[in-house]
PDB file of N, CA and C in Angstrom:
ATOM      1  N   MET A   1     159.280  61.761  95.322  1.00  0.00           N
ATOM      2  CA  MET A   1     159.144  63.560  96.171  1.00  0.00           C
ATOM      3  C   MET A   1     157.442  64.021  96.797  1.00  0.00           C
ATOM      4  N   GLU A   2     157.991  64.713  97.945  1.00  0.00           N
ATOM      5  CA  GLU A   2     156.295  65.210  98.611  1.00  0.00           C
ATOM      6  C   GLU A   2     155.760  66.285  98.129  1.00  0.00           C
ATOM      7  N   ASN A   3     154.313  65.732  97.818  1.00  0.00           N
ATOM      8  CA  ASN A   3     153.484  67.602  97.349  1.00  0.00           C
ATOM      9  C   ASN A   3     153.711  68.462  98.109  1.00  0.00           C
ATOM     10  N   ARG A   4     153.947  69.669  97.414  1.00  0.00           N
ATOM     11  CA  ARG A   4     153.608  70.940  98.245  1.00  0.00           C
ATOM     12  C   ARG A   4     152.213  71.553  98.521  1.00  0.00           C
ATOM     13  N   LYS A   5     152.468  72.266  99.339  1.00  0.00           N
ATOM     14  CA  LYS A   5     151.011  73.172  99.000  1.00  0.00           C
ATOM     15  C   LYS A   5     150.849  74.120  98.419  1.00  0.00           C
ATOM     16  N   LEU A   6     150.273  74.590  98.057  1.00  0.00           N
ATOM     17  CA  LEU A   6     150.018  76.122  97.055  1.00  0.00           C
ATOM     18  C   LEU A   6     149.782  77.586  98.319  1.00  0.00           C
ATOM     19  N   PRO A   7     150.681  78.328  97.661  1.00  0.00           N
ATOM     20  CA  PRO A   7     150.660  79.107  98.621  1.00  0.00           C
ATOM     21  C   PRO A   7     149.524  79.683  98.616  1.00  0.00           C
ATOM     22  N   ASN A   8     149.258  80.746  99.884  1.00  0.00           N
ATOM     23  CA  ASN A   8     147.789  81.715 100.559  1.00  0.00           C
ATOM     24  C   ASN A   8     146.592  81.194 100.151  1.00  0.00           C
ATOM     25  N   GLU A   9     146.924  79.440 100.656  1.00  0.00           N
ATOM     26  CA  GLU A   9     145.640  78.547 100.476  1.00  0.00           C
ATOM     27  C   GLU A   9     144.799  79.136 101.704  1.00  0.00           C
ATOM     28  N   THR A  10     145.034  79.353 102.804  1.00  0.00           N
ATOM     29  CA  THR A  10     144.627  80.407 104.665  1.00  0.00           C
ATOM     30  C   THR A  10     144.024  82.049 103.828  1.00  0.00           C
ATOM     31  N   ALA A  11     144.664  82.488 103.326  1.00  0.00           N
ATOM     32  CA  ALA A  11     144.355  83.916 102.905  1.00  0.00           C
ATOM     33  C   ALA A  11     143.817  83.984 102.054  1.00  0.00           C
ATOM     34  N   ILE A  12     143.432  83.119 101.412  1.00  0.00           N
ATOM     35  CA  ILE A  12     142.168  83.256 100.595  1.00  0.00           C
ATOM     36  C   ILE A  12     140.179  83.039 101.340  1.00  0.00           C
ATOM     37  N   LEU A  13     140.737  81.473 101.802  1.00  0.00           N
ATOM     38  CA  LEU A  13     139.362  81.651 102.431  1.00  0.00           C
ATOM     39  C   LEU A  13     139.122  82.707 103.505  1.00  0.00           C
ATOM     40  N   VAL A  14     139.576  83.319 104.071  1.00  0.00           N
ATOM     41  CA  VAL A  14     139.324  84.371 105.403  1.00  0.00           C
ATOM     42  C   VAL A  14     139.383  85.145 104.301  1.00  0.00           C
ATOM     43  N   LEU A  15     139.815  86.140 103.192  1.00  0.00           N
ATOM     44  CA  LEU A  15     139.418  86.847 102.636  1.00  0.00           C
ATOM     45  C   LEU A  15     138.362  87.175 101.844  1.00  0.00           C
ATOM     46  N   GLY A  16     138.411  85.765 101.601  1.00  0.00           N
ATOM     47  CA  GLY A  16     136.370  85.478 100.967  1.00  0.00           C
ATOM     48  C   GLY A  16     135.541  85.320 102.097  1.00  0.00           C
ATOM     49  N   ILE A  17     135.747  85.386 102.946  1.00  0.00           N
ATOM     50  CA  ILE A  17     134.740  85.387 104.484  1.00  0.00           C
ATOM     51  C   ILE A  17     134.442  86.447 105.004  1.00  0.00           C
ATOM     52  N   ILE A  18     135.733  87.304 104.821  1.00  0.00           N
ATOM     53  CA  ILE A  18     135.776  88.235 105.746  1.00  0.00           C
ATOM     54  C   ILE A  18     134.910  89.745 104.450  1.00  0.00           C
ATOM     55  N   SER A  19     134.931  89.255 103.407  1.00  0.00           N
ATOM     56  CA  SER A  19     134.292  90.276 102.595  1.00  0.00           C
ATOM     57  C   SER A  19     133.119  89.776 102.573  1.00  0.00           C
ATOM     58  N   PHE A  20     132.075  88.621 103.013  1.00  0.00           N
ATOM     59  CA  PHE A  20     130.752  88.724 103.121  1.00  0.00           C
ATOM     60  C   PHE A  20     130.377  89.217 104.217  1.00  0.00           C
ATOM     61  N   ILE A  21     131.248  89.269 105.850  1.00  0.00           N
ATOM     62  CA  ILE A  21     130.476  89.951 106.242  1.00  0.00           C
ATOM     63  C   ILE A  21     130.997  91.809 106.350  1.00  0.00           C
ATOM     64  N   ALA A  22     132.300  92.021 105.560  1.00  0.00           N
ATOM     65  CA  ALA A  22     131.966  93.637 105.049  1.00  0.00           C
ATOM     66  C   ALA A  22     131.293  93.842 103.838  1.00  0.00           C
ATOM     67  N   CYS A  23     130.617  93.376 103.574  1.00  0.00           N
ATOM     68  CA  CYS A  23     129.085  93.358 102.728  1.00  0.00           C
ATOM     69  C   CYS A  23     128.462  93.963 103.832  1.00  0.00           C
ATOM     70  N   CYS A  24     127.913  93.669 104.855  1.00  0.00           N
ATOM     71  CA  CYS A  24     127.086  93.902 106.187  1.00  0.00           C
ATOM     72  C   CYS A  24     127.057  95.154 106.327  1.00  0.00           C
ATOM     73  N   CYS A  25     128.683  94.867 106.753  1.00  0.00           N
ATOM     74  CA  CYS A  25     128.917  95.556 107.417  1.00  0.00           C
ATOM     75  C   CYS A  25     128.996  97.680 107.142  1.00  0.00           C
ATOM     76  N   SER A  26     129.637  97.970 105.728  1.00  0.00           N
ATOM     77  CA  SER A  26     129.835  98.654 104.818  1.00  0.00           C
ATOM     78  C   SER A  26     128.620  98.651 103.696  1.00  0.00           C
ATOM     79  N   SER A  27     129.386  99.774 102.555  1.00  0.00           N
ATOM     80  CA  SER A  27     128.128  99.463 101.480  1.00  0.00           C
ATOM     81  C   SER A  27     128.979  99.283 100.330  1.00  0.00           C
ATOM     82  N   GLY A  28     129.542  97.894 100.805  1.00  0.00           N
ATOM     83  CA  GLY A  28     129.954  96.738  99.675  1.00  0.00           C
ATOM     84  C   GLY A  28     131.052  97.035  99.294  1.00  0.00           C
ATOM     85  N   LEU A  29     131.199  98.576  99.699  1.00  0.00           N
ATOM     86  CA  LEU A  29     132.606  99.203  99.429  1.00  0.00           C
ATOM     87  C   LEU A  29     134.334  97.945 100.069  1.00  0.00           C
ATOM     88  N   GLY A  30     134.088  98.034 101.447  1.00  0.00           N
ATOM     89  CA  GLY A  30     134.290  97.150 102.184  1.00  0.00           C
ATOM     90  C   GLY A  30     135.065  95.541 101.220  1.00  0.00           C
ATOM     91  N   GLY A  31     133.452  94.843 100.728  1.00  0.00           N
ATOM     92  CA  GLY A  31     133.573  93.251 100.486  1.00  0.00           C
ATOM     93  C   GLY A  31     134.215  93.675  98.911  1.00  0.00           C
ATOM     94  N   LEU A  32     134.047  94.926  98.669  1.00  0.00           N
ATOM     95  CA  LEU A  32     134.759  94.571  96.960  1.00  0.00           C
ATOM     96  C   LEU A  32     136.162  94.129  97.517  1.00  0.00           C
ATOM     97  N   ILE A  33     137.124  94.750  98.197  1.00  0.00           N
ATOM     98  CA  ILE A  33     137.815  95.361  98.476  1.00  0.00           C
ATOM     99  C   ILE A  33     139.067  93.889  98.574  1.00  0.00           C
ATOM    100  N   PHE A  34     138.322  93.164 100.286  1.00  0.00           N
ATOM    101  CA  PHE A  34     138.477  92.224 100.187  1.00  0.00           C
ATOM    102  C   PHE A  34     138.484  90.671  99.639  1.00  0.00           C
ATOM    103  N   SER A  35     136.943  90.428  99.039  1.00  0.00           N
ATOM    104  CA  SER A  35     136.875  89.758  97.700  1.00  0.00           C
ATOM    105  C   SER A  35     137.811  89.870  96.371  1.00  0.00           C
ATOM    106  N   GLY A  36     138.132  90.942  96.286  1.00  0.00           N
ATOM    107  CA  GLY A  36     138.952  91.557  94.686  1.00  0.00           C
ATOM    108  C   GLY A  36     140.261  90.741  95.579  1.00  0.00           C
ATOM    109  N   ILE A  37     140.571  91.206  96.704  1.00  0.00           N
ATOM    110  CA  ILE A  37     141.992  90.252  96.911  1.00  0.00           C
ATOM    111  C   ILE A  37     142.443  88.749  96.950  1.00  0.00           C
ATOM    112  N   ALA A  38     141.308  88.458  97.327  1.00  0.00           N
ATOM    113  CA  ALA A  38     140.962  86.699  98.016  1.00  0.00           C
ATOM    114  C   ALA A  38     141.179  86.324  96.454  1.00  0.00           C
ATOM    115  N   TYR A  39     140.370  86.913  95.128  1.00  0.00           N
ATOM    116  CA  TYR A  39     139.781  86.347  93.383  1.00  0.00           C
ATOM    117  C   TYR A  39     141.598  85.811  93.250  1.00  0.00           C
ATOM    118  N   TYR A  40     142.152  87.604  93.635  1.00  0.00           N
ATOM    119  CA  TYR A  40     143.768  87.972  92.889  1.00  0.00           C
ATOM    120  C   TYR A  40     144.387  86.888  93.172  1.00  0.00           C
ATOM    121  N   LEU A  41     144.342  86.560  94.997  1.00  0.00           N
ATOM    122  CA  LEU A  41     145.623  85.207  95.183  1.00  0.00           C
ATOM    123  C   LEU A  41     145.689  83.845  94.988  1.00  0.00           C
ATOM    124  N   ALA A  42     143.787  83.530  94.236  1.00  0.00           N
ATOM    125  CA  ALA A  42     143.342  82.595  93.938  1.00  0.00           C
ATOM    126  C   ALA A  42     144.265  82.389  92.617  1.00  0.00           C
ATOM    127  N   ALA A  43     143.802  83.654  91.813  1.00  0.00           N
ATOM    128  CA  ALA A  43     144.234  83.177  90.536  1.00  0.00           C
ATOM    129  C   ALA A  43     145.638  83.028  90.401  1.00  0.00           C
ATOM    130  N   LYS A  44     146.273  83.428  91.350  1.00  0.00           N
ATOM    131  CA  LYS A  44     147.809  83.711  91.264  1.00  0.00           C
ATOM    132  C   LYS A  44     148.052  81.696  91.310  1.00  0.00           C
ATOM    133  N   SER A  45     146.970  81.382  92.967  1.00  0.00           N
ATOM    134  CA  SER A  45     147.936  80.070  92.780  1.00  0.00           C
ATOM    135  C   SER A  45     147.623  79.574  92.249  1.00  0.00           C
ATOM    136  N   GLU A  46     146.185  79.430  91.579  1.00  0.00           N
ATOM    137  CA  GLU A  46     145.329  78.194  90.136  1.00  0.00           C
ATOM    138  C   GLU A  46     146.478  79.325  89.245  1.00  0.00           C
ATOM    139  N   LYS A  47     147.221  79.512  88.825  1.00  0.00           N
ATOM    140  CA  LYS A  47     147.790  80.169  87.769  1.00  0.00           C
ATOM    141  C   LYS A  47     149.556  78.760  87.717  1.00  0.00           C
ATOM    142  N   LEU A  48     149.477  79.162  89.018  1.00  0.00           N
ATOM    143  CA  LEU A  48     150.974  78.160  89.577  1.00  0.00           C
ATOM    144  C   LEU A  48     150.644  76.931  89.079  1.00  0.00           C
ATOM    145  N   TYR A  49     149.225  76.511  90.281  1.00  0.00           N
ATOM    146  CA  TYR A  49     148.781  75.196  90.022  1.00  0.00           C
ATOM    147  C   TYR A  49     149.228  74.379  88.651  1.00  0.00           C
ATOM    148  N   GLN A  50     148.545  75.092  87.624  1.00  0.00           N
ATOM    149  CA  GLN A  50     148.221  74.720  86.264  1.00  0.00           C
ATOM    150  C   GLN A  50     149.969  74.781  85.576  1.00  0.00           C
ATOM    151  N   LEU A  51     151.244  74.991  86.160  1.00  0.00           N
ATOM    152  CA  LEU A  51     152.153  74.947  85.594  1.00  0.00           C
ATOM    153  C   LEU A  51     153.170  73.095  85.867  1.00  0.00           C
ATOM    154  N   ASN A  52     152.194  72.987  86.957  1.00  0.00           N
ATOM    155  CA  ASN A  52     153.191  71.946  88.010  1.00  0.00           C
ATOM    156  C   ASN A  52     152.041  70.792  88.454  1.00  0.00           C
ATOM    157  N   PRO A  53     150.687  70.566  87.893  1.00  0.00           N
ATOM    158  CA  PRO A  53     148.979  70.252  88.428  1.00  0.00           C
ATOM    159  C   PRO A  53     150.127  69.141  89.419  1.00  0.00           C
ATOM    160  N   ASP A  54     150.884  68.085  89.245  1.00  0.00           N
ATOM    161  CA  ASP A  54     151.317  66.598  90.035  1.00  0.00           C
ATOM    162  C   ASP A  54     152.275  67.301  91.162  1.00  0.00           C
ATOM    163  N   GLN A  55     152.866  68.385  91.041  1.00  0.00           N
ATOM    164  CA  GLN A  55     153.418  69.167  92.280  1.00  0.00           C
ATOM    165  C   GLN A  55     152.729  69.371  93.600  1.00  0.00           C
ATOM    166  N   TYR A  56     151.335  70.051  93.530  1.00  0.00           N
ATOM    167  CA  TYR A  56     150.307  70.292  94.340  1.00  0.00           C
ATOM    168  C   TYR A  56     149.224  69.136  94.825  1.00  0.00           C
ATOM    169  N   ASP A  57     148.823  69.604  96.339  1.00  0.00           N
ATOM    170  CA  ASP A  57     148.297  68.600  96.452  1.00  0.00           C
ATOM    171  C   ASP A  57     147.126  69.850  97.584  1.00  0.00           C
ATOM    172  N   ASN A  58     146.212  70.487  97.256  1.00  0.00           N
ATOM    173  CA  ASN A  58     145.198  71.420  97.778  1.00  0.00           C
ATOM    174  C   ASN A  58     144.976  72.541  96.854  1.00  0.00           C
ATOM    175  N   TYR A  59     145.143  72.378  95.595  1.00  0.00           N
ATOM    176  CA  TYR A  59     144.130  73.107  94.781  1.00  0.00           C
ATOM    177  C   TYR A  59     142.515  72.847  94.579  1.00  0.00           C
ATOM    178  N   SER A  60     142.159  72.140  95.814  1.00  0.00           N
ATOM    179  CA  SER A  60     140.602  72.232  95.477  1.00  0.00           C
ATOM    180  C   SER A  60     140.729  73.182  96.939  1.00  0.00           C
ATOM    181  N   LYS A  61     140.940  73.230  97.817  1.00  0.00           N
ATOM    182  CA  LYS A  61     141.072  74.542  98.539  1.00  0.00           C
ATOM    183  C   LYS A  61     141.193  76.128  98.106  1.00  0.00           C
ATOM    184  N   ILE A  62     141.874  75.304  97.139  1.00  0.00           N
ATOM    185  CA  ILE A  62     141.939  77.310  96.105  1.00  0.00           C
ATOM    186  C   ILE A  62     141.160  76.931  95.556  1.00  0.00           C
ATOM    187  N   LYS A  63     140.323  76.178  94.761  1.00  0.00           N
ATOM    188  CA  LYS A  63     139.299  76.680  94.474  1.00  0.00           C
ATOM    189  C   LYS A  63     137.886  76.636  95.089  1.00  0.00           C
ATOM    190  N   THR A  64     138.110  76.280  96.232  1.00  0.00           N
ATOM    191  CA  THR A  64     137.242  76.435  97.069  1.00  0.00           C
ATOM    192  C   THR A  64     137.015  78.459  97.968  1.00  0.00           C
ATOM    193  N   GLY A  65     137.556  78.925  98.032  1.00  0.00           N
ATOM    194  CA  GLY A  65     138.228  79.536  98.280  1.00  0.00           C
ATOM    195  C   GLY A  65     137.963  80.567  97.037  1.00  0.00           C
ATOM    196  N   LYS A  66     138.240  80.525  95.722  1.00  0.00           N
ATOM    197  CA  LYS A  66     138.314  81.424  94.595  1.00  0.00           C
ATOM    198  C   LYS A  66     136.263  81.562  94.237  1.00  0.00           C
ATOM    199  N   ILE A  67     135.654  80.520  94.898  1.00  0.00           N
ATOM    200  CA  ILE A  67     134.488  80.230  94.954  1.00  0.00           C
ATOM    201  C   ILE A  67     133.730  81.233  95.394  1.00  0.00           C
ATOM    202  N   VAL A  68     134.400  80.877  97.132  1.00  0.00           N
ATOM    203  CA  VAL A  68     134.289  82.403  97.901  1.00  0.00           C
ATOM    204  C   VAL A  68     134.427  83.586  97.363  1.00  0.00           C
ATOM    205  N   ALA A  69     135.760  83.649  96.754  1.00  0.00           N
ATOM    206  CA  ALA A  69     135.975  84.832  96.640  1.00  0.00           C
ATOM    207  C   ALA A  69     135.065  86.001  95.583  1.00  0.00           C
ATOM    208  N   ILE A  70     134.369  85.036  94.754  1.00  0.00           N
ATOM    209  CA  ILE A  70     133.140  85.446  94.173  1.00  0.00           C
ATOM    210  C   ILE A  70     132.348  85.115  93.917  1.00  0.00           C
ATOM    211  N   ILE A  71     131.667  84.747  94.743  1.00  0.00           N
ATOM    212  CA  ILE A  71     130.259  84.910  95.695  1.00  0.00           C
ATOM    213  C   ILE A  71     130.518  85.644  95.992  1.00  0.00           C
ATOM    214  N   GLY A  72     131.319  86.516  97.302  1.00  0.00           N
ATOM    215  CA  GLY A  72     131.754  87.656  97.719  1.00  0.00           C
ATOM    216  C   GLY A  72     131.867  89.341  96.758  1.00  0.00           C
ATOM    217  N   LEU A  73     132.289  89.109  95.245  1.00  0.00           N
ATOM    218  CA  LEU A  73     131.922  89.964  94.840  1.00  0.00           C
ATOM    219  C   LEU A  73     131.094  90.215  94.328  1.00  0.00           C
ATOM    220  N   VAL A  74     130.150  89.622  94.074  1.00  0.00           N
ATOM    221  CA  VAL A  74     128.258  89.552  93.500  1.00  0.00           C
ATOM    222  C   VAL A  74     127.870  90.434  94.194  1.00  0.00           C
ATOM    223  N   LEU A  75     128.035  89.666  95.723  1.00  0.00           N
ATOM    224  CA  LEU A  75     127.936  90.397  97.098  1.00  0.00           C
ATOM    225  C   LEU A  75     128.331  91.323  97.170  1.00  0.00           C
ATOM    226  N   ALA A  76     129.063  92.070  97.006  1.00  0.00           N
ATOM    227  CA  ALA A  76     129.790  93.223  97.469  1.00  0.00           C
ATOM    228  C   ALA A  76     129.486  94.286  95.953  1.00  0.00           C
ATOM    229  N   ILE A  77     129.480  94.259  95.016  1.00  0.00           N
ATOM    230  CA  ILE A  77     128.309  95.048  94.082  1.00  0.00           C
ATOM    231  C   ILE A  77     127.009  95.082  93.772  1.00  0.00           C
ATOM    232  N   LEU A  78     126.631  93.936  94.176  1.00  0.00           N
ATOM    233  CA  LEU A  78     124.494  93.794  94.654  1.00  0.00           C
ATOM    234  C   LEU A  78     124.838  95.121  95.991  1.00  0.00           C
ATOM    235  N   SER A  79     125.571  95.160  97.000  1.00  0.00           N
ATOM    236  CA  SER A  79     125.423  95.788  97.411  1.00  0.00           C
ATOM    237  C   SER A  79     125.874  97.331  97.528  1.00  0.00           C
ATOM    238  N   LEU A  80     127.216  97.543  96.875  1.00  0.00           N
ATOM    239  CA  LEU A  80     127.737  98.825  96.953  1.00  0.00           C
ATOM    240  C   LEU A  80     126.469  99.741  95.560  1.00  0.00           C
ATOM    241  N   LEU A  81     125.486  98.828  93.960  1.00  0.00           N
ATOM    242  CA  LEU A  81     124.789  99.467  93.746  1.00  0.00           C
ATOM    243  C   LEU A  81     123.547  99.411  94.118  1.00  0.00           C
ATOM    244  N   LEU A  82     123.084  98.747  95.601  1.00  0.00           N
ATOM    245  CA  LEU A  82     122.030  99.194  96.352  1.00  0.00           C
ATOM    246  C   LEU A  82     122.261 100.127  96.945  1.00  0.00           C
ATOM    247  N   SER A  83     123.391 100.835  97.548  1.00  0.00           N
ATOM    248  CA  SER A  83     123.540 102.049  98.423  1.00  0.00           C
ATOM    249  C   SER A  83     123.902 102.902  97.708  1.00  0.00           C
ATOM    250  N   ILE A  84     124.462 102.684  96.071  1.00  0.00           N
ATOM    251  CA  ILE A  84     124.254 104.189  95.253  1.00  0.00           C
ATOM    252  C   ILE A  84     122.508 104.294  94.983  1.00  0.00           C
ATOM    253  N   PHE A  85     121.941 103.523  95.301  1.00  0.00           N
ATOM    254  CA  PHE A  85     120.994 103.837  94.290  1.00  0.00           C
ATOM    255  C   PHE A  85     119.794 104.490  95.495  1.00  0.00           C
ATOM    256  N   TYR A  86     119.822 103.799  96.670  1.00  0.00           N
ATOM    257  CA  TYR A  86     119.086 104.836  98.047  1.00  0.00           C
ATOM    258  C   TYR A  86     119.984 106.086  97.915  1.00  0.00           C
ATOM    259  N   ILE A  87     121.454 106.477  97.300  1.00  0.00           N
ATOM    260  CA  ILE A  87     121.511 107.520  97.672  1.00  0.00           C
ATOM    261  C   ILE A  87     120.703 108.746  96.898  1.00  0.00           C
ATOM    262  N   PHE A  88     120.472 108.310  95.451  1.00  0.00           N
ATOM    263  CA  PHE A  88     120.013 108.673  94.537  1.00  0.00           C
ATOM    264  C   PHE A  88     118.532 108.946  94.748  1.00  0.00           C
ATOM    265  N   SER A  89     118.045 108.104  94.919  1.00  0.00           N
ATOM    266  CA  SER A  89     116.469 107.755  95.386  1.00  0.00           C
ATOM    267  C   SER A  89     116.065 108.955  95.780  1.00  0.00           C
ATOM    268  N   LEU A  90     116.964 108.881  97.372  1.00  0.00           N
ATOM    269  CA  LEU A  90     116.776 110.100  98.873  1.00  0.00           C
ATOM    270  C   LEU A  90     116.627 111.059  97.981  1.00  0.00           C
ATOM    271  N   GLY A  91     117.406 111.521  97.242  1.00  0.00           N
ATOM    272  CA  GLY A  91     117.971 113.305  96.511  1.00  0.00           C
ATOM    273  C   GLY A  91     119.389 113.518  97.153  1.00  0.00           C
ATOM    274  N   GLY A  92     120.410 112.698  97.033  1.00  0.00           N
ATOM    275  CA  GLY A  92     121.553 112.573  97.428  1.00  0.00           C
ATOM    276  C   GLY A  92     122.463 112.611  98.652  1.00  0.00           C
ATOM    277  N   ILE A  93     123.996 113.014  98.512  1.00  0.00           N
ATOM    278  CA  ILE A  93     124.339 112.234  99.834  1.00  0.00           C
ATOM    279  C   ILE A  93     124.168 113.350 101.285  1.00  0.00           C
ATOM    280  N   ASP A  94     123.839 114.452 101.387  1.00  0.00           N
ATOM    281  CA  ASP A  94     123.091 114.777 102.288  1.00  0.00           C
ATOM    282  C   ASP A  94     121.508 114.093 102.680  1.00  0.00           C
ATOM    283  N   ALA A  95     120.732 114.393 101.980  1.00  0.00           N
ATOM    284  CA  ALA A  95     119.798 113.839 102.524  1.00  0.00           C
ATOM    285  C   ALA A  95     119.872 112.344 102.513  1.00  0.00           C
ATOM    286  N   TYR A  96     120.843 111.537 102.126  1.00  0.00           N
ATOM    287  CA  TYR A  96     121.089 110.022 102.457  1.00  0.00           C
ATOM    288  C   TYR A  96     121.749 110.156 103.932  1.00  0.00           C
ATOM    289  N   MET A  97     123.040 110.591 104.352  1.00  0.00           N
ATOM    290  CA  MET A  97     123.324 110.571 105.637  1.00  0.00           C
ATOM    291  C   MET A  97     122.528 111.640 106.449  1.00  0.00           C
ATOM    292  N   GLU A  98     121.216 111.879 105.957  1.00  0.00           N
ATOM    293  CA  GLU A  98     120.539 112.220 107.472  1.00  0.00           C
ATOM    294  C   GLU A  98     119.289 111.880 107.639  1.00  0.00           C
ATOM    295  N   LYS A  99     119.432 110.548 106.545  1.00  0.00           N
ATOM    296  CA  LYS A  99     118.028 109.887 106.966  1.00  0.00           C
ATOM    297  C   LYS A  99     119.262 108.260 107.976  1.00  0.00           C
ATOM    298  N   VAL A 100     120.284 107.966 107.630  1.00  0.00           N
ATOM    299  CA  VAL A 100     121.093 107.454 108.339  1.00  0.00           C
ATOM    300  C   VAL A 100     121.346 107.509 109.454  1.00  0.00           C
ATOM    301  N   GLN A 101     121.668 108.942 109.647  1.00  0.00           N
ATOM    302  CA  GLN A 101     121.385 109.598 111.463  1.00  0.00           C
ATOM    303  C   GLN A 101     119.711 109.293 112.257  1.00  0.00           C
ATOM    304  N   GLU A 102     118.946 109.766 111.794  1.00  0.00           N
ATOM    305  CA  GLU A 102     117.578 109.539 111.864  1.00  0.00           C
ATOM    306  C   GLU A 102     118.024 108.173 112.582  1.00  0.00           C
ATOM    307  N   THR A 103     118.423 107.283 110.888  1.00  0.00           N
ATOM    308  CA  THR A 103     118.188 106.036 111.660  1.00  0.00           C
ATOM    309  C   THR A 103     118.615 105.242 113.209  1.00  0.00           C
ATOM    310  N   MET A 104     119.846 105.913 113.072  1.00  0.00           N
ATOM    311  CA  MET A 104     120.533 105.737 114.464  1.00  0.00           C
ATOM    312  C   MET A 104     119.978 106.501 115.704  1.00  0.00           C
ATOM    313  N   ASP A 105     119.424 107.121 115.018  1.00  0.00           N
ATOM    314  CA  ASP A 105     118.908 108.101 116.394  1.00  0.00           C
ATOM    315  C   ASP A 105     117.975 107.317 117.315  1.00  0.00           C
ATOM    316  N   GLN A 106     116.985 106.533 116.129  1.00  0.00           N
ATOM    317  CA  GLN A 106     116.009 105.840 116.450  1.00  0.00           C
ATOM    318  C   GLN A 106     116.753 104.475 117.339  1.00  0.00           C
ATOM    319  N   LEU A 107     117.598 103.720 116.447  1.00  0.00           N
ATOM    320  CA  LEU A 107     118.431 102.346 117.243  1.00  0.00           C
ATOM    321  C   LEU A 107     118.787 102.818 118.616  1.00  0.00           C
ATOM    322  N   GLN A 108     119.151 104.195 119.075  1.00  0.00           N
ATOM    323  CA  GLN A 108     120.090 104.538 120.306  1.00  0.00           C
ATOM    324  C   GLN A 108     118.704 104.468 121.614  1.00  0.00           C
ATOM    325  N   ASN A 109     117.235 105.460 120.896  1.00  0.00           N
ATOM    326  CA  ASN A 109     116.345 105.747 121.572  1.00  0.00           C
ATOM    327  C   ASN A 109     115.445 104.408 122.236  1.00  0.00           C
ATOM    328  N   GLN A 110     115.905 103.379 121.608  1.00  0.00           N
ATOM    329  CA  GLN A 110     114.941 102.015 121.533  1.00  0.00           C
ATOM    330  C   GLN A 110     115.341 101.321 122.794  1.00  0.00           C
TER     331      GLN A 110
END
């Protein structure tokens, strides 16, 4: 009998990679969402593999995707904590948004 592929192999890897990008583009919330979904899908596929290990042949890719998702999750949490720290150190969300607007204005004027 030919071995089958575990489901969501490509989705797990893509979501894990997108979580890295989302950490840089947002305050960590996007990365948290994408890496959380990737980790959930990887854990689900891993459980399926544990039931019949000899039936599937792409477990290494699922494991790689899970590692990428974990790294993305850690980076997202660190990015989120850093954003929260900046908000509170500047004196609240209004001061934070004012600082972001000043930075955007400076970048546009260059």
